[in-house]
PDB file of N, CA and C in Angstrom:
ATOM      1  N   MET A   1      -1.248  32.514-109.463  1.00  0.00           N
ATOM      2  CA  MET A   1       0.216  33.847-109.417  1.00  0.00           C
ATOM      3  C   MET A   1       0.593  34.486-108.131  1.00  0.00           C
ATOM      4  N   LEU A   2      -0.073  33.393-107.325  1.00  0.00           N
ATOM      5  CA  LEU A   2       1.025  32.883-106.236  1.00  0.00           C
ATOM      6  C   LEU A   2       2.610  32.276-106.034  1.00  0.00           C
ATOM      7  N   ALA A   3       2.375  30.947-107.323  1.00  0.00           N
ATOM      8  CA  ALA A   3       3.807  30.435-107.862  1.00  0.00           C
ATOM      9  C   ALA A   3       4.851  31.343-108.008  1.00  0.00           C
ATOM     10  N   LYS A   4       3.944  32.654-108.975  1.00  0.00           N
ATOM     11  CA  LYS A   4       4.950  32.894-110.151  1.00  0.00           C
ATOM     12  C   LYS A   4       5.850  34.214-108.857  1.00  0.00           C
ATOM     13  N   ILE A   5       5.180  34.356-107.917  1.00  0.00           N
ATOM     14  CA  ILE A   5       5.779  35.562-108.375  1.00  0.00           C
ATOM     15  C   ILE A   5       6.468  35.086-106.084  1.00  0.00           C
ATOM     16  N   ARG A   6       6.759  33.229-106.120  1.00  0.00           N
ATOM     17  CA  ARG A   6       7.631  33.250-104.777  1.00  0.00           C
ATOM     18  C   ARG A   6       7.986  32.749-105.931  1.00  0.00           C
ATOM     19  N   ASP A   7       8.121  32.675-107.779  1.00  0.00           N
ATOM     20  CA  ASP A   7       9.626  31.980-107.734  1.00  0.00           C
ATOM     21  C   ASP A   7       9.976  33.338-108.194  1.00  0.00           C
ATOM     22  N   GLU A   8       9.706  34.275-107.978  1.00  0.00           N
ATOM     23  CA  GLU A   8      10.206  35.341-108.545  1.00  0.00           C
ATOM     24  C   GLU A   8      11.704  36.255-107.515  1.00  0.00           C
ATOM     25  N   GLU A   9      11.256  35.501-106.633  1.00  0.00           N
ATOM     26  CA  GLU A   9      10.809  36.043-105.085  1.00  0.00           C
ATOM     27  C   GLU A   9      12.355  34.977-104.200  1.00  0.00           C
ATOM     28  N   ILE A  10      12.414  33.991-105.247  1.00  0.00           N
ATOM     29  CA  ILE A  10      13.950  33.366-105.287  1.00  0.00           C
ATOM     30  C   ILE A  10      14.813  33.020-106.349  1.00  0.00           C
ATOM     31  N   ARG A  11      13.991  33.505-107.209  1.00  0.00           N
ATOM     32  CA  ARG A  11      15.873  34.239-108.516  1.00  0.00           C
ATOM     33  C   ARG A  11      16.006  35.088-107.849  1.00  0.00           C
ATOM     34  N   VAL A  12      15.404  36.003-107.061  1.00  0.00           N
ATOM     35  CA  VAL A  12      15.784  37.895-106.250  1.00  0.00           C
ATOM     36  C   VAL A  12      17.290  37.336-105.560  1.00  0.00           C
ATOM     37  N   LEU A  13      16.767  36.404-104.308  1.00  0.00           N
ATOM     38  CA  LEU A  13      17.281  35.492-103.560  1.00  0.00           C
ATOM     39  C   LEU A  13      18.921  35.087-104.169  1.00  0.00           C
ATOM     40  N   ARG A  14      19.097  34.272-104.701  1.00  0.00           N
ATOM     41  CA  ARG A  14      20.000  33.176-105.397  1.00  0.00           C
ATOM     42  C   ARG A  14      20.176  34.706-106.878  1.00  0.00           C
ATOM     43  N   ASN A  15      19.905  35.850-106.380  1.00  0.00           N
ATOM     44  CA  ASN A  15      21.215  36.894-107.001  1.00  0.00           C
ATOM     45  C   ASN A  15      20.904  36.477-109.017  1.00  0.00           C
ATOM     46  N   GLN A  16      19.979  35.559-109.105  1.00  0.00           N
ATOM     47  CA  GLN A  16      19.949  35.891-110.905  1.00  0.00           C
ATOM     48  C   GLN A  16      19.282  36.858-111.607  1.00  0.00           C
ATOM     49  N   TYR A  17      19.239  38.414-110.487  1.00  0.00           N
ATOM     50  CA  TYR A  17      19.591  39.128-111.268  1.00  0.00           C
ATOM     51  C   TYR A  17      20.680  40.294-110.354  1.00  0.00           C
ATOM     52  N   SER A  18      21.002  41.240-111.399  1.00  0.00           N
ATOM     53  CA  SER A  18      21.944  42.362-110.754  1.00  0.00           C
ATOM     54  C   SER A  18      21.077  43.356-109.974  1.00  0.00           C
ATOM     55  N   ILE A  19      21.015  43.364-108.816  1.00  0.00           N
ATOM     56  CA  ILE A  19      20.081  43.990-108.128  1.00  0.00           C
ATOM     57  C   ILE A  19      20.946  43.982-106.461  1.00  0.00           C
ATOM     58  N   PRO A  20      21.062  46.204-106.395  1.00  0.00           N
ATOM     59  CA  PRO A  20      22.341  45.590-105.303  1.00  0.00           C
ATOM     60  C   PRO A  20      20.897  45.845-104.156  1.00  0.00           C
ATOM     61  N   GLU A  21      22.178  45.428-102.837  1.00  0.00           N
ATOM     62  CA  GLU A  21      21.368  44.645-101.954  1.00  0.00           C
ATOM     63  C   GLU A  21      20.164  45.101-100.772  1.00  0.00           C
ATOM     64  N   GLU A  22      19.975  46.768-101.422  1.00  0.00           N
ATOM     65  CA  GLU A  22      19.519  47.635-100.556  1.00  0.00           C
ATOM     66  C   GLU A  22      18.651  47.821-101.028  1.00  0.00           C
ATOM     67  N   GLU A  23      18.671  47.055-102.833  1.00  0.00           N
ATOM     68  CA  GLU A  23      17.558  46.846-103.785  1.00  0.00           C
ATOM     69  C   GLU A  23      16.293  45.065-103.126  1.00  0.00           C
ATOM     70  N   LYS A  24      17.382  45.152-103.055  1.00  0.00           N
ATOM     71  CA  LYS A  24      16.719  44.193-103.286  1.00  0.00           C
ATOM     72  C   LYS A  24      16.042  44.081-101.760  1.00  0.00           C
ATOM     73  N   ILE A  25      15.916  44.434-101.078  1.00  0.00           N
ATOM     74  CA  ILE A  25      15.687  44.033 -99.891  1.00  0.00           C
ATOM     75  C   ILE A  25      13.965  44.488-100.122  1.00  0.00           C
ATOM     76  N   VAL A  26      13.940  45.903-100.543  1.00  0.00           N
ATOM     77  CA  VAL A  26      13.173  46.970-100.406  1.00  0.00           C
ATOM     78  C   VAL A  26      12.021  45.266-102.030  1.00  0.00           C
ATOM     79  N   VAL A  27      12.777  44.621-102.724  1.00  0.00           N
ATOM     80  CA  VAL A  27      11.914  44.580-103.826  1.00  0.00           C
ATOM     81  C   VAL A  27      11.299  43.280-103.353  1.00  0.00           C
ATOM     82  N   LEU A  28      11.788  42.314-102.603  1.00  0.00           N
ATOM     83  CA  LEU A  28      11.336  41.635-101.343  1.00  0.00           C
ATOM     84  C   LEU A  28      10.111  41.832-100.366  1.00  0.00           C
ATOM     85  N   LYS A  29       9.885  43.378 -99.893  1.00  0.00           N
ATOM     86  CA  LYS A  29       9.355  43.452 -98.878  1.00  0.00           C
ATOM     87  C   LYS A  29       7.974  43.353 -99.770  1.00  0.00           C
ATOM     88  N   VAL A  30       8.347  43.855-101.762  1.00  0.00           N
ATOM     89  CA  VAL A  30       6.582  44.462-102.073  1.00  0.00           C
ATOM     90  C   VAL A  30       6.272  42.635-102.522  1.00  0.00           C
ATOM     91  N   THR A  31       7.602  42.018-102.863  1.00  0.00           N
ATOM     92  CA  THR A  31       6.626  40.732-102.813  1.00  0.00           C
ATOM     93  C   THR A  31       5.633  39.854-102.554  1.00  0.00           C
ATOM     94  N   SER A  32       6.123  40.039-101.483  1.00  0.00           N
ATOM     95  CA  SER A  32       5.546  39.430 -99.436  1.00  0.00           C
ATOM     96  C   SER A  32       4.539  39.623 -99.094  1.00  0.00           C
ATOM     97  N   THR A  33       4.269  41.195 -99.363  1.00  0.00           N
ATOM     98  CA  THR A  33       3.276  42.665 -98.974  1.00  0.00           C
ATOM     99  C   THR A  33       2.523  42.016-100.418  1.00  0.00           C
ATOM    100  N   LEU A  34       2.736  41.451-101.391  1.00  0.00           N
ATOM    101  CA  LEU A  34       2.237  41.304-102.994  1.00  0.00           C
ATOM    102  C   LEU A  34       1.336  40.136-102.375  1.00  0.00           C
ATOM    103  N   ARG A  35       2.001  38.568-101.892  1.00  0.00           N
ATOM    104  CA  ARG A  35       1.310  37.618-101.832  1.00  0.00           C
ATOM    105  C   ARG A  35       1.189  37.415-100.259  1.00  0.00           C
ATOM    106  N   ALA A  36       1.051  37.904 -99.704  1.00  0.00           N
ATOM    107  CA  ALA A  36       0.229  37.881 -98.259  1.00  0.00           C
ATOM    108  C   ALA A  36      -0.968  38.334 -98.276  1.00  0.00           C
ATOM    109  N   SER A  37      -0.820  39.638 -99.596  1.00  0.00           N
ATOM    110  CA  SER A  37      -2.141  40.363 -99.471  1.00  0.00           C
ATOM    111  C   SER A  37      -3.566  39.442-100.725  1.00  0.00           C
ATOM    112  N   LEU A  38      -2.842  38.598-101.653  1.00  0.00           N
ATOM    113  CA  LEU A  38      -3.090  37.741-102.324  1.00  0.00           C
ATOM    114  C   LEU A  38      -3.705  36.826-101.749  1.00  0.00           C
ATOM    115  N   GLN A  39      -3.112  35.564-101.192  1.00  0.00           N
ATOM    116  CA  GLN A  39      -3.150  34.996-100.522  1.00  0.00           C
ATOM    117  C   GLN A  39      -5.202  34.873 -98.863  1.00  0.00           C
ATOM    118  N   TYR A  40      -4.347  36.578 -98.576  1.00  0.00           N
ATOM    119  CA  TYR A  40      -5.378  36.201 -98.109  1.00  0.00           C
ATOM    120  C   TYR A  40      -6.406  36.481 -98.774  1.00  0.00           C
ATOM    121  N   TRP A  41      -7.182  37.288 -99.820  1.00  0.00           N
ATOM    122  CA  TRP A  41      -7.932  37.469-100.649  1.00  0.00           C
ATOM    123  C   TRP A  41      -8.741  35.828-100.641  1.00  0.00           C
ATOM    124  N   ASP A  42      -7.621  35.388-101.497  1.00  0.00           N
ATOM    125  CA  ASP A  42      -7.403  34.279-101.793  1.00  0.00           C
ATOM    126  C   ASP A  42      -8.545  33.401-101.237  1.00  0.00           C
ATOM    127  N   ASN A  43      -8.193  33.495 -99.669  1.00  0.00           N
ATOM    128  CA  ASN A  43      -9.028  32.549 -98.313  1.00  0.00           C
ATOM    129  C   ASN A  43     -10.228  33.468 -97.847  1.00  0.00           C
ATOM    130  N   ASN A  44     -10.946  34.556 -98.094  1.00  0.00           N
ATOM    131  CA  ASN A  44     -11.581  35.525 -98.096  1.00  0.00           C
ATOM    132  C   ASN A  44     -13.013  35.825 -99.327  1.00  0.00           C
ATOM    133  N   ILE A  45     -12.881  34.706 -99.822  1.00  0.00           N
ATOM    134  CA  ILE A  45     -13.732  34.612-101.501  1.00  0.00           C
ATOM    135  C   ILE A  45     -15.184  36.165-100.989  1.00  0.00           C
ATOM    136  N   GLN A  46     -15.366  35.364-100.631  1.00  0.00           N
ATOM    137  CA  GLN A  46     -16.459  35.677-100.423  1.00  0.00           C
ATOM    138  C   GLN A  46     -16.550  37.458-100.325  1.00  0.00           C
ATOM    139  N   MET A  47     -15.579  37.983 -99.208  1.00  0.00           N
ATOM    140  CA  MET A  47     -15.465  39.486 -99.376  1.00  0.00           C
ATOM    141  C   MET A  47     -14.925  39.940-100.244  1.00  0.00           C
ATOM    142  N   ALA A  48     -13.968  38.979-102.220  1.00  0.00           N
ATOM    143  CA  ALA A  48     -13.441  39.915-103.538  1.00  0.00           C
ATOM    144  C   ALA A  48     -14.617  39.723-104.209  1.00  0.00           C
ATOM    145  N   LYS A  49     -15.458  40.706-105.173  1.00  0.00           N
ATOM    146  CA  LYS A  49     -15.920  40.329-105.954  1.00  0.00           C
ATOM    147  C   LYS A  49     -15.398  40.401-106.898  1.00  0.00           C
ATOM    148  N   GLY A  50     -15.068  39.241-107.739  1.00  0.00           N
ATOM    149  CA  GLY A  50     -14.655  39.639-109.535  1.00  0.00           C
ATOM    150  C   GLY A  50     -13.335  39.216-108.364  1.00  0.00           C
ATOM    151  N   GLU A  51     -12.689  40.582-109.449  1.00  0.00           N
ATOM    152  CA  GLU A  51     -11.161  40.810-109.014  1.00  0.00           C
ATOM    153  C   GLU A  51     -10.594  41.633-108.051  1.00  0.00           C
ATOM    154  N   LYS A  52     -11.778  42.585-107.689  1.00  0.00           N
ATOM    155  CA  LYS A  52     -11.372  43.420-105.836  1.00  0.00           C
ATOM    156  C   LYS A  52     -10.389  42.401-105.706  1.00  0.00           C
ATOM    157  N   GLY A  53      -9.961  41.819-105.266  1.00  0.00           N
ATOM    158  CA  GLY A  53      -9.385  41.475-104.326  1.00  0.00           C
ATOM    159  C   GLY A  53      -7.538  41.355-104.780  1.00  0.00           C
ATOM    160  N   THR A  54      -7.748  41.451-106.027  1.00  0.00           N
ATOM    161  CA  THR A  54      -6.407  42.045-106.897  1.00  0.00           C
ATOM    162  C   THR A  54      -5.792  43.057-107.215  1.00  0.00           C
ATOM    163  N   ILE A  55      -7.044  43.807-107.019  1.00  0.00           N
ATOM    164  CA  ILE A  55      -6.966  45.405-107.486  1.00  0.00           C
ATOM    165  C   ILE A  55      -5.630  45.428-106.124  1.00  0.00           C
ATOM    166  N   VAL A  56      -6.976  45.361-104.543  1.00  0.00           N
ATOM    167  CA  VAL A  56      -6.519  45.277-103.326  1.00  0.00           C
ATOM    168  C   VAL A  56      -4.837  44.987-102.761  1.00  0.00           C
ATOM    169  N   ALA A  57      -5.100  44.517-103.658  1.00  0.00           N
ATOM    170  CA  ALA A  57      -3.201  43.307-103.592  1.00  0.00           C
ATOM    171  C   ALA A  57      -2.448  44.360-104.801  1.00  0.00           C
ATOM    172  N   ILE A  58      -2.342  44.845-104.837  1.00  0.00           N
ATOM    173  CA  ILE A  58      -1.998  45.415-105.820  1.00  0.00           C
ATOM    174  C   ILE A  58      -1.434  46.583-105.524  1.00  0.00           C
ATOM    175  N   ALA A  59      -2.235  47.228-104.506  1.00  0.00           N
ATOM    176  CA  ALA A  59      -2.725  48.177-103.759  1.00  0.00           C
ATOM    177  C   ALA A  59      -1.476  48.686-102.310  1.00  0.00           C
ATOM    178  N   ASP A  60      -2.252  47.563-102.046  1.00  0.00           N
ATOM    179  CA  ASP A  60      -1.257  46.639-100.825  1.00  0.00           C
ATOM    180  C   ASP A  60      -0.213  46.266-101.028  1.00  0.00           C
ATOM    181  N   ALA A  61       1.140  46.574-102.311  1.00  0.00           N
ATOM    182  CA  ALA A  61       2.131  46.246-102.274  1.00  0.00           C
ATOM    183  C   ALA A  61       2.800  47.723-103.056  1.00  0.00           C
ATOM    184  N   ILE A  62       1.912  48.564-103.836  1.00  0.00           N
ATOM    185  CA  ILE A  62       2.365  49.730-104.215  1.00  0.00           C
ATOM    186  C   ILE A  62       2.339  50.528-103.077  1.00  0.00           C
ATOM    187  N   GLY A  63       1.834  50.486-102.035  1.00  0.00           N
ATOM    188  CA  GLY A  63       1.671  51.244-100.957  1.00  0.00           C
ATOM    189  C   GLY A  63       3.665  51.157 -99.956  1.00  0.00           C
ATOM    190  N   THR A  64       3.614  49.230-100.592  1.00  0.00           N
ATOM    191  CA  THR A  64       4.407  49.047 -99.390  1.00  0.00           C
ATOM    192  C   THR A  64       5.551  49.813-100.310  1.00  0.00           C
ATOM    193  N   LEU A  65       6.099  50.048-101.603  1.00  0.00           N
ATOM    194  CA  LEU A  65       6.351  50.613-102.017  1.00  0.00           C
ATOM    195  C   LEU A  65       6.457  52.167-101.521  1.00  0.00           C
ATOM    196  N   GLY A  66       5.459  52.295-101.652  1.00  0.00           N
ATOM    197  CA  GLY A  66       5.727  53.745-101.198  1.00  0.00           C
ATOM    198  C   GLY A  66       5.525  54.415 -99.828  1.00  0.00           C
ATOM    199  N   GLY A  67       5.466  52.789 -99.186  1.00  0.00           N
ATOM    200  CA  GLY A  67       6.064  53.969 -98.193  1.00  0.00           C
ATOM    201  C   GLY A  67       7.254  54.257 -97.579  1.00  0.00           C
ATOM    202  N   HIS A  68       8.305  52.963 -98.370  1.00  0.00           N
ATOM    203  CA  HIS A  68       9.538  52.655 -98.030  1.00  0.00           C
ATOM    204  C   HIS A  68      10.850  54.028 -98.381  1.00  0.00           C
ATOM    205  N   THR A  69       9.795  54.759-100.137  1.00  0.00           N
ATOM    206  CA  THR A  69      10.337  55.440-100.675  1.00  0.00           C
ATOM    207  C   THR A  69       9.537  57.225-100.446  1.00  0.00           C
ATOM    208  N   MET A  70       8.649  57.349 -98.999  1.00  0.00           N
ATOM    209  CA  MET A  70       8.825  58.307 -98.218  1.00  0.00           C
ATOM    210  C   MET A  70       9.882  58.200 -96.838  1.00  0.00           C
ATOM    211  N   SER A  71       9.430  57.146 -96.608  1.00  0.00           N
ATOM    212  CA  SER A  71      11.363  56.804 -95.551  1.00  0.00           C
ATOM    213  C   SER A  71      12.023  57.825 -95.647  1.00  0.00           C
ATOM    214  N   VAL A  72      12.232  57.512 -97.235  1.00  0.00           N
ATOM    215  CA  VAL A  72      14.025  57.498 -97.464  1.00  0.00           C
ATOM    216  C   VAL A  72      13.903  59.176 -97.995  1.00  0.00           C
ATOM    217  N   LEU A  73      13.160  59.784 -98.715  1.00  0.00           N
ATOM    218  CA  LEU A  73      13.132  61.289 -98.951  1.00  0.00           C
ATOM    219  C   LEU A  73      12.951  62.141 -97.788  1.00  0.00           C
ATOM    220  N   ALA A  74      11.534  61.262 -96.199  1.00  0.00           N
ATOM    221  CA  ALA A  74      12.729  62.100 -95.673  1.00  0.00           C
ATOM    222  C   ALA A  74      13.412  62.487 -94.785  1.00  0.00           C
ATOM    223  N   SER A  75      14.062  61.165 -94.933  1.00  0.00           N
ATOM    224  CA  SER A  75      16.177  60.921 -94.206  1.00  0.00           C
ATOM    225  C   SER A  75      16.220  61.192 -94.875  1.00  0.00           C
ATOM    226  N   LYS A  76      16.484  61.543 -96.159  1.00  0.00           N
ATOM    227  CA  LYS A  76      17.975  62.060 -97.047  1.00  0.00           C
ATOM    228  C   LYS A  76      17.188  63.825 -96.309  1.00  0.00           C
ATOM    229  N   ALA A  77      15.741  64.412 -96.628  1.00  0.00           N
ATOM    230  CA  ALA A  77      16.076  65.635 -96.040  1.00  0.00           C
ATOM    231  C   ALA A  77      16.745  65.929 -95.350  1.00  0.00           C
ATOM    232  N   ALA A  78      16.438  65.363 -94.325  1.00  0.00           N
ATOM    233  CA  ALA A  78      16.590  65.136 -92.109  1.00  0.00           C
ATOM    234  C   ALA A  78      17.610  65.467 -92.428  1.00  0.00           C
ATOM    235  N   GLU A  79      18.786  64.676 -93.261  1.00  0.00           N
ATOM    236  CA  GLU A  79      19.937  64.582 -92.980  1.00  0.00           C
ATOM    237  C   GLU A  79      20.706  65.946 -92.951  1.00  0.00           C
ATOM    238  N   LYS A  80      19.700  65.986 -94.482  1.00  0.00           N
ATOM    239  CA  LYS A  80      21.117  67.347 -95.126  1.00  0.00           C
ATOM    240  C   LYS A  80      19.703  68.303 -94.192  1.00  0.00           C
ATOM    241  N   ARG A  81      19.379  68.877 -93.707  1.00  0.00           N
ATOM    242  CA  ARG A  81      19.412  69.935 -92.316  1.00  0.00           C
ATOM    243  C   ARG A  81      20.314  69.705 -91.719  1.00  0.00           C
ATOM    244  N   LEU A  82      20.420  68.532 -91.224  1.00  0.00           N
ATOM    245  CA  LEU A  82      21.012  68.080 -89.883  1.00  0.00           C
ATOM    246  C   LEU A  82      22.126  68.817 -90.365  1.00  0.00           C
ATOM    247  N   LYS A  83      22.932  68.038 -90.895  1.00  0.00           N
ATOM    248  CA  LYS A  83      24.437  69.176 -91.489  1.00  0.00           C
ATOM    249  C   LYS A  83      24.886  69.990 -91.650  1.00  0.00           C
ATOM    250  N   LYS A  84      23.422  71.547 -91.211  1.00  0.00           N
ATOM    251  CA  LYS A  84      23.813  72.115 -91.747  1.00  0.00           C
ATOM    252  C   LYS A  84      23.725  73.326 -90.550  1.00  0.00           C
ATOM    253  N   SER A  85      23.238  71.712 -89.551  1.00  0.00           N
ATOM    254  CA  SER A  85      23.443  72.905 -88.099  1.00  0.00           C
ATOM    255  C   SER A  85      24.143  72.117 -87.601  1.00  0.00           C
ATOM    256  N   ILE A  86      24.555  73.106 -86.765  1.00  0.00           N
ATOM    257  CA  ILE A  86      26.329  72.273 -85.389  1.00  0.00           C
ATOM    258  C   ILE A  86      25.890  72.246 -83.931  1.00  0.00           C
ATOM    259  N   ASN A  87      24.611  72.946 -83.561  1.00  0.00           N
ATOM    260  CA  ASN A  87      24.426  72.178 -81.857  1.00  0.00           C
ATOM    261  C   ASN A  87      22.588  71.482 -82.442  1.00  0.00           C
ATOM    262  N   ILE A  88      23.245  70.303 -81.982  1.00  0.00           N
ATOM    263  CA  ILE A  88      22.183  68.802 -82.002  1.00  0.00           C
ATOM    264  C   ILE A  88      22.001  68.187 -81.290  1.00  0.00           C
ATOM    265  N   SER A  89      20.774  67.990 -80.344  1.00  0.00           N
ATOM    266  CA  SER A  89      20.477  66.603 -79.600  1.00  0.00           C
ATOM    267  C   SER A  89      18.967  65.979 -80.026  1.00  0.00           C
ATOM    268  N   ILE A  90      19.797  65.258 -79.006  1.00  0.00           N
ATOM    269  CA  ILE A  90      18.244  63.755 -78.796  1.00  0.00           C
ATOM    270  C   ILE A  90      17.267  64.126 -76.751  1.00  0.00           C
ATOM    271  N   VAL A  91      16.315  64.613 -76.999  1.00  0.00           N
ATOM    272  CA  VAL A  91      15.586  64.692 -76.010  1.00  0.00           C
ATOM    273  C   VAL A  91      14.380  63.688 -75.885  1.00  0.00           C
ATOM    274  N   GLY A  92      14.528  63.233 -74.749  1.00  0.00           N
ATOM    275  CA  GLY A  92      13.394  62.695 -73.967  1.00  0.00           C
ATOM    276  C   GLY A  92      13.266  60.887 -74.149  1.00  0.00           C
ATOM    277  N   THR A  93      12.744  59.872 -74.443  1.00  0.00           N
ATOM    278  CA  THR A  93      13.204  59.159 -73.009  1.00  0.00           C
ATOM    279  C   THR A  93      12.702  57.904 -73.820  1.00  0.00           C
ATOM    280  N   ALA A  94      12.301  56.956 -73.833  1.00  0.00           N
ATOM    281  CA  ALA A  94      11.978  55.140 -74.500  1.00  0.00           C
ATOM    282  C   ALA A  94      10.511  55.502 -74.576  1.00  0.00           C
ATOM    283  N   ASN A  95       9.840  55.898 -73.364  1.00  0.00           N
ATOM    284  CA  ASN A  95       8.466  55.973 -73.635  1.00  0.00           C
ATOM    285  C   ASN A  95       7.003  56.609 -73.813  1.00  0.00           C
ATOM    286  N   ASP A  96       8.154  58.405 -74.130  1.00  0.00           N
ATOM    287  CA  ASP A  96       7.480  59.003 -74.359  1.00  0.00           C
ATOM    288  C   ASP A  96       7.525  59.661 -75.769  1.00  0.00           C
ATOM    289  N   GLY A  97       8.720  59.113 -76.274  1.00  0.00           N
ATOM    290  CA  GLY A  97       9.781  59.077 -77.706  1.00  0.00           C
ATOM    291  C   GLY A  97      10.531  59.714 -77.385  1.00  0.00           C
ATOM    292  N   PHE A  98      11.732  60.011 -78.584  1.00  0.00           N
ATOM    293  CA  PHE A  98      12.578  60.810 -78.529  1.00  0.00           C
ATOM    294  C   PHE A  98      12.537  62.282 -79.888  1.00  0.00           C
ATOM    295  N   VAL A  99      13.036  63.863 -79.077  1.00  0.00           N
ATOM    296  CA  VAL A  99      12.345  64.913 -80.472  1.00  0.00           C
ATOM    297  C   VAL A  99      13.790  65.161 -80.804  1.00  0.00           C
ATOM    298  N   ILE A 100      14.901  65.742 -82.014  1.00  0.00           N
ATOM    299  CA  ILE A 100      16.419  65.731 -82.724  1.00  0.00           C
ATOM    300  C   ILE A 100      15.431  67.450 -82.471  1.00  0.00           C
ATOM    301  N   ARG A 101      16.391  67.816 -81.857  1.00  0.00           N
ATOM    302  CA  ARG A 101      16.365  69.641 -81.642  1.00  0.00           C
ATOM    303  C   ARG A 101      17.661  69.992 -82.520  1.00  0.00           C
ATOM    304  N   TYR A 102      18.056  70.826 -82.961  1.00  0.00           N
ATOM    305  CA  TYR A 102      17.969  71.790 -84.050  1.00  0.00           C
ATOM    306  C   TYR A 102      18.807  72.932 -84.020  1.00  0.00           C
TER     307      TYR A 102
END
């Protein structure tokens, strides 16, 4: 399975599929997470009984996609909200974090 995932990653990197650059990054993040998780579970077989390691690896990959999707949705919502605001300021420090006030 790891070899198949790597082959698909190479195809994506060589532009064998018509995937926009933004989506290509998402696809490669998901396949990278899936590959790393599968490698982990292959190396820790005593912890993974039966197909449990594969199921967890797939869940990890889906989580990567879900995290990206939630990030996009949150940024779009914030962008929409900020477009309606006239006064916008960013307050805070690098140590304490930043807050956008509008």
